[in-house]
């Protein structure tokens, strides 16, 4: 750490730890958010960034080196693989026998690995070892998978909550292994709670949108940790995630049928024709609704699937790309058979197809029950695709309802998080879409907004600086 002429700390080095960062590990929004911030920090700041991830066993690195990593005996023999990852840059992968798995978190039945506590506590030990060796100005921990590192470090720390619902609950016996001297922070209601520990011990806590930072202070939305978050006061801040403005750019996207922007929106019609052909649909005069999502309860997939029978009456069609819970997949496949002219379902994830849906859809639906930030609504607006969302988390921070604010509206926000609320919002969105002048105005306003990481990156630097100031004082 150095001090500038204003006696304020200057951030020179950061250890950044996360369980996911695309393309090395990609399960949900954590992967995109981590990768986006990593790339932006490296491209726009002078910070020396050490990126640490678990070694799940399948990452291929250029210029790879391997070294032994001295971790507690309960972790097992550990190694540190270092090298260059495509699109991400230099990374360091913490590996040991229990960490190597085909999926970072779940087995083939979608159940969490029974030893996830050992796996990610071991990873946290690796993060702590690297931090203590490198002595950075700040260590940035992301979600519970990294939280236990706080048991072994004294470096100024920042903890980001990407999804508070996942806290890493573990048996109380882990206290004697990991944090016998910090029981008060690590014990929560008779068990070990890594998220609770990091919230209490980090110098600064970040939630991934301003509205989410407010929501989680409410006991009904704070997943049992609202009291701890409230105690942090101004040390809890909300910073909206960004998106990769180069990757998600209809002017240069190689995955779509035609390039377009705010000044030539007419070319979007070619991408719509491409999407209709992929779905096997004939042209009609109604809008296409897109969804690129995980099939989990959080995302409100059941809400949207329940509305499929109403699409014909609205004159709309729905294309859904996603994977997750088998029951939701089965329901979607059944609906595709029953309503082939209104609903197309692709089980899985394909980046090229995702781009084609964002570009080819007219509306983009996110019926989330909770959404800490959300990236898809920003990606949709970047492509001139109008978002229809629920009033939760970062969706509130990023989408302005075009009926409530006709001058500035960028999409449509449901009044309630349920089928009635989403059906009303979709009716309003379809009605606006049919009025070309209004539709184009909404599209262009969304496309004009800077959704990149530039602003959020500078906010992160300020939080790093505050963490250093707290540690110094």
Foldseek 3Di string as FASTA:
>chain_A
DDADPVRFDAFAEEEEEDAAAPPQADDDPSNQLSQQLQVCCVPPHNHHYAYEYACQPPFDFPPKDKDWADFDPLLATWMWIWHQHPSRGIYIHIYDVVCHDPHRAADPQQHGDPVLLSNLLRSLRRSLSVCVVVVGQEYEAEALSNQLVLLRDDHQYEYEDQDQLDFSWAAQVCCVVGHVPPCVQQDDPHTGTSNSNNLQRHLAYEFQAQQLLVQLLDPVRVNNCNVSSVVCPPSYGYFHGFGACVQLAQQDHPLADHRDALVCLVRLQRLQVVVCVVLVEDDDDFFEEEEEDEPDVQQVLVLVLVCQVVQVVLVYAYEYEYEHNPVSVVSLVVVCVVCVNHYHYDYDDDVSVLSSRLSNGQEYEGLGPEGQADDSCLSSLLNLRAYEYECHHNVVVQADDCVVPVQQGQHHYFPHSHNVRSVVRVSVRRVQVSVPVSSSNNSNNSNPDRRHCNVSSVVVSVSSSSSSVVSVD
